[in-house]
Protein backbone atom coordinates (compact mmCIF):
# COMPACT_ATOMS: atom_id res chain seq x y z
CA MET A 1 -44.21 63.99 -28.23
CA TRP A 2 -42.73 60.78 -29.91
CA SER A 3 -44.38 62.04 -33.67
CA CYS A 4 -42.24 64.83 -33.09
CA SER A 5 -39.07 62.72 -32.21
CA LEU A 6 -39.52 60.65 -35.01
CA LEU A 7 -40.26 63.23 -37.85
CA ALA A 8 -36.96 65.23 -36.33
CA THR A 9 -35.07 61.90 -37.12
CA ARG A 10 -36.42 62.62 -41.33
CA THR A 11 -35.68 65.75 -41.75
CA ALA A 12 -33.17 65.18 -44.46
CA LYS A 13 -35.69 63.33 -46.42
CA ARG A 14 -38.46 66.18 -46.16
CA LEU A 15 -36.81 69.15 -44.57
CA ARG A 16 -39.49 71.64 -45.08
CA PRO A 17 -43.09 70.10 -43.77
CA ILE A 18 -40.61 68.52 -40.81
CA VAL A 19 -39.46 72.16 -40.18
CA LEU A 20 -42.95 73.17 -39.28
CA ILE A 21 -44.33 70.52 -37.36
CA ALA A 22 -41.46 70.23 -35.36
CA LEU A 23 -42.25 73.86 -34.55
CA CYS A 24 -45.65 73.34 -33.85
CA CYS A 25 -44.89 70.54 -31.59
CA GLY A 26 -42.24 72.83 -29.77
CA LEU A 27 -45.00 75.48 -29.51
CA HIS A 28 -47.29 72.50 -27.86
CA LEU A 29 -44.71 71.10 -26.02
CA ALA A 30 -43.18 74.52 -24.37
CA ALA A 31 -45.14 74.29 -21.01
CA GLN A 32 -44.26 70.78 -20.25
CA THR A 33 -40.92 70.59 -20.80
CA ALA A 34 -38.38 72.02 -17.96
CA PRO A 35 -36.14 74.72 -18.34
CA ARG A 36 -32.45 73.15 -19.17
CA ALA A 37 -29.84 73.29 -16.55
CA PRO A 38 -27.45 76.58 -16.90
CA LEU A 39 -24.53 75.36 -17.86
CA LYS A 40 -21.86 74.77 -15.71
CA PRO A 41 -19.42 77.57 -15.58
CA ALA A 42 -15.71 76.67 -17.03
CA ALA A 43 -13.03 76.06 -13.86
CA PRO A 44 -11.16 78.89 -13.41
CA PRO A 45 -7.39 78.81 -15.16
CA LEU A 46 -4.67 77.57 -12.58
CA PRO A 47 -2.39 80.39 -11.20
CA ARG A 48 0.50 81.00 -13.02
CA ILE A 49 3.86 81.01 -10.53
CA LYS A 50 7.16 81.67 -12.18
CA VAL A 51 10.69 80.34 -10.52
CA ASN A 52 13.87 81.90 -11.90
CA LEU A 53 16.58 79.28 -10.80
CA ALA A 54 18.84 81.05 -13.23
CA LYS A 55 21.57 82.16 -9.95
CA GLY A 56 22.53 79.92 -7.38
CA LYS A 57 25.46 79.66 -4.56
CA THR A 58 28.97 77.71 -5.69
CA ILE A 59 28.80 74.38 -4.46
CA LEU A 60 32.41 73.00 -2.76
CA GLY A 61 33.25 70.12 -2.24
CA LEU A 62 31.91 67.50 -4.71
CA PRO A 63 34.15 65.10 -6.51
CA GLY A 64 34.99 66.39 -9.96
CA GLY A 65 34.63 64.62 -13.74
CA LEU A 66 32.16 62.65 -12.45
CA ASP A 67 27.78 62.82 -12.83
CA PRO A 68 25.43 61.72 -10.39
CA SER A 69 23.22 58.99 -10.72
CA TYR A 70 19.59 60.39 -11.53
CA PRO A 71 17.43 60.44 -9.75
CA PRO A 72 18.23 62.34 -6.82
CA TYR A 73 17.55 61.91 -3.40
CA CYS A 74 15.33 63.96 -0.85
CA SER A 75 15.32 64.40 2.90
CA GLY A 76 11.81 66.11 3.09
CA THR A 77 13.98 68.55 5.38
CA GLY A 78 15.81 70.50 1.99
CA ILE A 79 18.77 68.00 2.43
CA THR A 80 19.51 66.66 -1.55
CA TYR A 81 21.66 63.38 -1.67
CA LEU A 82 23.35 62.60 -4.79
CA GLN A 83 25.56 59.24 -5.45
CA PHE A 84 28.33 59.50 -8.14
CA TYR A 85 30.02 56.51 -9.67
CA ASN A 86 33.33 56.34 -10.30
CA PRO A 87 33.84 54.20 -13.47
CA SER A 88 37.36 53.42 -12.79
CA ARG A 89 35.63 51.41 -9.59
CA LEU A 90 32.69 49.63 -11.05
CA SER A 91 32.82 46.40 -12.93
CA ARG A 92 30.36 43.23 -12.91
CA SER A 93 30.80 42.29 -9.45
CA PHE A 94 30.57 45.83 -7.87
CA SER A 95 28.35 48.63 -8.41
CA ALA A 96 27.76 51.26 -5.71
CA GLY A 97 28.60 54.88 -5.51
CA ASP A 98 29.83 57.64 -3.02
CA LEU A 99 26.88 59.67 -1.91
CA TYR A 100 26.96 62.47 -0.61
CA GLY A 101 24.18 65.48 0.87
CA ILE A 102 23.31 68.88 0.04
CA ALA A 103 22.16 70.76 2.86
CA ALA A 104 19.76 74.11 1.98
CA ASP A 105 23.05 76.23 2.70
CA GLY A 106 25.15 74.77 0.26
CA THR A 107 27.42 72.36 2.95
CA VAL A 108 28.07 69.09 1.43
CA THR A 109 28.62 66.15 4.23
CA PRO A 110 29.86 62.94 2.68
CA ILE A 111 27.77 60.15 3.70
CA GLN A 112 30.11 57.08 5.13
CA ARG A 113 28.39 53.32 3.85
CA ARG A 114 29.91 50.16 4.82
CA PHE A 115 29.03 47.08 2.27
CA PRO A 116 28.48 43.53 3.25
CA GLN A 117 32.38 41.24 2.59
CA ASN A 118 33.17 38.43 1.22
CA ALA A 119 30.78 38.48 -1.53
CA ARG A 120 31.67 38.48 -5.14
CA GLN A 121 29.21 40.31 -6.70
CA MET A 122 27.58 43.29 -4.06
CA LEU A 123 24.93 45.57 -5.74
CA VAL A 124 23.16 49.13 -4.79
CA ARG A 125 19.12 48.19 -5.12
CA SER A 126 17.62 51.47 -4.23
CA THR A 127 18.66 53.89 -1.35
CA TYR A 128 16.08 55.93 0.84
CA ALA A 129 16.90 59.44 2.25
CA GLY A 130 14.36 60.06 5.40
CA PRO A 131 15.10 62.88 7.33
CA ARG A 132 17.35 61.70 10.07
CA GLN A 133 18.93 58.34 8.08
CA ILE A 134 19.81 57.32 4.77
CA ALA A 135 19.11 53.34 4.31
CA THR A 136 20.58 51.18 1.32
CA LEU A 137 19.17 47.90 -0.16
CA ILE A 138 21.67 46.04 -0.74
CA SER A 139 22.00 42.82 -2.52
CA THR A 140 24.84 40.37 -2.84
CA LEU A 141 25.92 36.96 -4.46
CA PRO A 142 28.19 34.87 -1.35
CA ARG A 143 31.61 33.78 -2.95
CA ARG A 144 31.40 30.15 -4.55
CA ASP A 145 30.80 27.31 -2.17
CA PRO A 146 31.94 23.89 -4.17
CA PHE A 147 30.01 22.08 -1.88
CA ASN A 148 26.75 23.84 -2.18
CA ASP A 149 26.18 25.61 -5.30
CA GLN A 150 22.37 26.17 -4.35
CA TYR A 151 24.18 28.19 -1.29
CA SER A 152 26.93 30.06 -4.10
CA ARG A 153 23.43 30.56 -6.44
CA THR A 154 20.90 32.33 -3.60
CA ARG A 155 21.20 36.11 -2.94
CA LYS A 156 21.26 37.52 -0.08
CA PHE A 157 20.02 40.86 0.77
CA TYR A 158 20.84 43.63 3.48
CA ILE A 159 19.69 47.48 4.72
CA GLU A 160 22.70 49.28 5.12
CA LEU A 161 21.88 52.52 7.12
CA SER A 162 23.82 55.55 7.85
CA THR A 163 22.91 58.93 10.14
CA SER A 164 22.20 62.01 7.96
CA ASP A 165 25.41 63.92 9.82
CA GLY A 166 27.81 61.53 7.44
CA GLY A 167 28.65 58.67 10.32
CA PHE A 168 27.99 55.08 9.45
CA SER A 169 25.40 53.38 12.15
CA LYS A 170 24.82 49.58 11.00
CA VAL A 171 24.56 46.74 8.12
CA ILE A 172 21.04 45.01 8.59
CA PRO A 173 20.66 41.03 7.28
CA LEU A 174 17.27 40.34 5.35
CA ASP A 175 15.51 36.85 5.35
CA LEU A 176 12.47 37.36 3.21
CA LYS A 177 10.01 35.28 1.59
CA PHE A 178 9.96 38.14 -1.43
CA GLN A 179 12.93 39.32 -3.10
CA PRO A 180 13.14 43.31 -1.75
CA LEU A 181 13.30 45.86 -4.80
CA LYS A 182 12.88 49.27 -2.79
CA ILE A 183 13.10 50.27 0.45
CA ALA A 184 11.75 53.37 2.94
CA ALA A 185 12.82 53.82 6.35
CA LEU A 186 10.38 55.58 8.82
CA SER A 187 10.50 57.74 11.48
CA SER A 188 10.32 54.61 14.28
CA GLY A 189 13.14 52.92 12.86
CA LYS A 190 11.21 50.45 10.96
CA PHE A 191 11.50 49.72 7.44
CA LEU A 192 8.73 49.06 4.41
CA VAL A 193 9.80 46.95 1.40
CA LEU A 194 7.93 46.49 -1.85
CA GLY A 195 9.41 43.25 -3.40
CA GLU A 196 8.39 40.41 -5.56
CA GLU A 197 6.62 37.54 -4.26
CA MET A 198 8.71 34.84 -6.87
CA VAL A 199 6.08 32.32 -7.04
CA ASN A 200 3.42 34.03 -8.66
CA ARG A 201 5.45 37.01 -9.58
CA THR A 202 3.46 39.80 -7.98
CA PRO A 203 4.59 43.06 -6.45
CA VAL A 204 4.44 42.79 -1.95
CA LEU A 205 4.38 45.64 0.39
CA GLY A 206 6.10 44.69 4.07
CA LEU A 207 6.73 46.15 6.77
CA LEU A 208 10.65 45.26 8.97
CA ASP A 209 11.22 45.68 12.23
CA THR A 210 14.14 47.70 13.20
CA ASP A 211 16.02 44.88 13.40
CA GLY A 212 14.92 43.75 10.07
CA ILE A 213 12.29 40.68 11.22
CA PHE A 214 9.11 40.37 8.90
CA LEU A 215 6.09 41.76 10.76
CA ARG A 216 3.80 41.92 8.06
CA TYR A 217 2.30 42.79 4.89
CA ILE A 218 0.68 45.89 4.04
CA ASN A 219 -2.55 45.19 2.15
CA LEU A 220 -2.53 47.24 -1.24
CA ASP A 221 -4.42 46.76 -4.60
CA ALA A 222 -1.96 44.59 -6.10
CA ARG A 223 -2.89 45.12 -9.80
CA PRO A 224 -1.96 48.15 -10.67
CA TYR A 225 -0.54 47.42 -14.40
CA ALA A 226 -4.38 46.04 -14.94
CA ALA A 227 -5.72 48.58 -13.63
CA SER A 228 -4.14 51.69 -15.19
CA PRO A 229 -4.78 52.00 -19.03
CA SER A 230 -1.36 54.48 -19.49
CA LEU A 231 0.66 51.98 -17.61
CA ARG A 232 -0.43 49.65 -19.90
CA THR A 233 0.75 51.38 -22.93
CA ILE A 234 3.99 52.37 -21.30
CA TYR A 235 5.38 49.06 -20.27
CA GLN A 236 4.11 46.87 -23.45
CA ARG A 237 5.85 43.34 -23.12
CA ASN A 238 8.40 44.41 -25.99
CA HIS A 239 9.58 47.08 -24.24
CA THR A 240 10.29 45.06 -20.77
CA PRO A 241 13.91 43.24 -19.98
CA PRO A 242 13.98 40.15 -20.02
CA ALA A 243 10.35 37.66 -21.19
CA ASP A 244 10.15 36.36 -17.60
CA PHE A 245 9.65 40.36 -16.32
CA GLY A 246 6.35 40.83 -17.10
CA PRO A 247 4.56 44.32 -17.37
CA ALA A 248 3.05 44.24 -14.63
CA MET A 249 6.54 43.97 -11.92
CA ALA A 250 8.41 46.55 -14.83
CA ALA A 251 5.68 48.93 -13.94
CA MET A 252 5.76 48.09 -10.37
CA GLU A 253 9.36 48.54 -10.16
CA SER A 254 9.20 52.18 -11.07
CA ALA A 255 7.24 52.73 -8.29
CA GLU A 256 8.72 55.06 -5.46
CA PHE A 257 8.86 55.94 -1.57
CA ALA A 258 9.17 59.57 -1.01
CA PRO A 259 9.84 60.83 2.83
CA TYR A 260 6.83 63.32 3.87
CA GLY A 261 7.50 64.59 7.84
CA ASP A 262 6.67 61.18 9.81
CA ASP A 263 5.31 59.02 6.94
CA VAL A 264 6.04 57.78 3.17
CA LEU A 265 4.57 58.59 0.17
CA PHE A 266 3.98 55.52 -2.28
CA TYR A 267 2.81 56.04 -5.55
CA GLN A 268 3.16 55.10 -9.49
CA PRO A 269 4.69 56.91 -11.64
CA GLY A 270 3.02 57.23 -15.06
CA ALA A 271 -0.23 55.97 -13.62
CA GLY A 272 -3.45 57.91 -12.41
CA LEU A 273 -3.65 55.89 -9.09
CA PRO A 274 -3.82 57.23 -5.85
CA VAL A 275 -1.00 58.09 -3.87
CA HIS A 276 -0.77 55.68 -1.26
CA VAL A 277 0.55 57.44 2.69
CA LEU A 278 2.01 54.84 5.21
CA SER A 279 2.99 54.60 8.43
CA GLU A 280 3.89 51.64 10.39
CA ALA A 281 0.07 51.51 11.21
CA GLY A 282 0.26 50.66 7.47
CA GLU A 283 -2.37 52.81 5.16
CA ILE A 284 -3.44 55.88 6.26
CA ASP A 285 -4.87 57.82 3.67
CA THR A 286 -5.22 57.76 -0.19
CA VAL A 287 -4.47 60.94 -2.34
CA SER A 288 -5.97 61.22 -6.03
CA LEU A 289 -4.24 63.59 -8.20
CA HIS A 290 -6.20 65.73 -10.24
CA LEU A 291 -3.55 67.04 -12.51
CA PRO A 292 -4.85 68.90 -15.88
CA SER A 293 -5.65 67.16 -18.82
CA GLY A 294 -2.32 65.40 -20.76
CA TYR A 295 -0.37 65.14 -17.90
CA LEU A 296 0.57 62.19 -15.64
CA MET A 297 2.49 62.27 -12.41
CA GLN A 298 6.41 61.35 -12.79
CA SER A 299 7.78 62.56 -9.26
CA ILE A 300 6.37 63.76 -6.27
CA LEU A 301 8.71 66.74 -4.34
CA PRO A 302 6.48 66.79 -1.06
CA ASP A 303 7.12 69.91 0.76
CA PRO A 304 5.86 68.84 4.79
CA GLN A 305 7.13 72.32 6.14
CA ASP A 306 4.64 74.41 3.63
CA HIS A 307 2.25 71.05 3.82
CA GLN A 308 2.29 71.16 0.04
CA TRP A 309 3.18 68.69 -2.61
CA ILE A 310 5.19 69.56 -5.49
CA VAL A 311 3.95 67.16 -8.18
CA ARG A 312 6.39 66.75 -11.91
CA ALA A 313 4.36 65.63 -14.88
CA GLN A 314 5.02 64.96 -18.33
CA PRO A 315 2.76 63.22 -21.05
CA LEU A 316 2.12 59.92 -21.94
CA SER A 317 4.19 59.37 -24.92
CA SER A 318 7.72 60.80 -22.60
CA PHE A 319 7.31 57.68 -20.55
CA SER A 320 6.59 55.25 -23.25
CA GLN A 321 9.65 56.68 -24.98
CA PHE A 322 11.83 56.12 -22.49
CA GLN A 323 11.04 52.51 -22.23
CA LYS A 324 10.79 52.22 -25.59
CA THR A 325 14.30 53.32 -25.98
CA GLY A 326 15.86 53.71 -22.32
CA ILE A 327 16.55 57.23 -22.70
CA ILE A 328 15.09 60.46 -23.35
CA VAL A 329 16.45 64.04 -23.30
CA ASN A 330 15.31 67.25 -21.82
CA PRO A 331 11.20 65.92 -21.62
CA PRO A 332 8.40 68.00 -21.85
CA GLN A 333 7.82 68.47 -18.14
CA GLN A 334 5.42 70.87 -16.03
CA LEU A 335 5.85 71.48 -12.49
CA PHE A 336 2.58 71.96 -10.55
CA ARG A 337 1.99 72.49 -6.90
CA VAL A 338 -0.70 69.94 -5.51
CA ASP A 339 -2.96 70.47 -2.00
CA PRO A 340 -2.46 67.19 -0.11
CA GLU A 341 -5.29 66.76 1.35
CA THR A 342 -7.72 66.80 -1.46
CA GLY A 343 -5.45 66.28 -4.60
CA ASP A 344 -6.35 69.39 -6.57
CA THR A 345 -3.99 71.27 -8.18
CA THR A 346 -3.48 74.65 -6.56
CA GLY A 347 -0.93 76.09 -9.24
CA ALA A 348 1.23 75.44 -12.54
CA ILE A 349 5.07 76.16 -11.73
CA THR A 350 7.24 77.58 -15.08
CA VAL A 351 10.73 77.22 -14.22
CA THR A 352 13.45 78.90 -15.77
CA GLY A 353 17.29 78.69 -15.99
CA ILE A 354 17.11 74.95 -15.94
CA GLN A 355 15.37 72.08 -16.84
CA PRO A 356 11.81 70.84 -13.97
CA GLY A 357 14.15 67.74 -14.05
CA GLN A 358 16.81 69.40 -12.34
CA ILE A 359 15.34 69.95 -9.42
CA ALA A 360 15.62 67.90 -6.65
CA CYS A 361 14.13 69.20 -3.63
CA ALA A 362 10.55 71.40 -2.14
CA ALA A 363 11.33 72.57 1.73
CA ASP A 364 10.13 75.57 3.31
CA GLY A 365 8.15 77.46 0.42
CA ASN A 366 11.33 76.73 -1.66
CA LEU A 367 12.29 74.75 -4.64
CA ILE A 368 15.98 73.13 -4.25
CA ALA A 369 17.98 72.30 -7.43
CA PRO A 370 22.35 71.60 -6.80
CA HIS A 371 23.01 71.47 -10.53
CA LEU A 372 26.32 71.53 -12.88
CA ARG A 373 26.33 74.80 -14.56
CA TYR A 374 28.29 74.82 -17.46
CA PRO A 375 30.42 77.10 -19.66
CA PRO A 376 30.04 79.19 -23.07
CA LYS A 377 30.68 76.82 -25.63
CA GLY A 378 35.00 77.52 -26.36
CA SER A 379 35.32 78.00 -22.49
CA ASN A 380 38.13 76.01 -21.29
CA VAL A 381 36.37 77.00 -17.85
CA PRO A 382 35.41 73.33 -15.67
CA PRO A 383 31.55 72.92 -14.91
CA ARG A 384 30.83 74.11 -11.27
CA TRP A 385 28.68 72.87 -8.94
CA VAL A 386 25.90 75.53 -8.01
CA LEU A 387 22.69 75.62 -5.55
CA ALA A 388 19.92 77.70 -7.01
CA LYS A 389 17.07 77.79 -4.48
CA GLN A 390 13.77 80.20 -5.06
CA PRO A 391 10.60 80.57 -3.25
CA TYR A 392 7.56 78.89 -5.16
CA GLN A 393 4.92 80.62 -3.51
């Protein structure tokens, strides 16, 4: 057997005799060699689902002349929340928008929010829309104290709560040993907070009580940047803001929370890392997504009523371009229907009429997309808000 392998490697020099000897060896070994395993059949093509969102119902009650911030927030129950920033009210000392909820039938509800007073700077850091309440993470700098400069330079953080029917609830002051970046509200009234531990500059995830008191850390892999080649490509150091804000934390700052029934999804866009399913008990499940080759998860629109995830995905180059230039117009995105139990992709959704990035919610088996409809060029008709909703099954 060894002599046949050796002679086969020398075919280029002695083609004719090697062929003959190899044939002889093949005859001799035929009875001793196990039959080859049959080839694994190719995976069947994904079902293609076409959803036409070209038509929609006119939405009344949203502010005119203003564009909302991106991304929109989905409650998981079909309500989309849009935040509108009025340039005339924005300044370096105040950055907050007006929040509106849009129900699946097009009804608009202004959401009351109250912000901390007696601050020389007030910024909205993140917003989370749960099924029953909306939580806003607020960062402030207090008014200057001539006798205590350290106090004047120390940021203070708050959670502002509003109800889904538009009413104000309360403002909760936070006193944490890390700097909070993003927040999620659990159905129990407790909170999940993603933050940065300032001594070692590492990400942390904490659980807070209903009154904002720190309860415990939730242990997750604190090295997502090191564990993901795609994140290392996207967040190269020369693509990040200040030098002291390293690529690992730049990547973590893009992490997202999304409501999924009574639980919360926590995921990292642009990474092939698992999606974490969280509750106040901690991590209750992880789901690895099996997307088609060439696609990375950009966002998840969970549909708890239909027990599906709609995953918006795009190629690695789109993530890198956005981090490098700060802007990307209509990236090549694709929607996939994913089984939340297995992470398997069960369908590819082709959207017509709007861009995939304009879809804000998935609820009760429908894709929901409040968006601005622009008139034809040359028309004097102003753009109007439209709510498009169609099944994705």
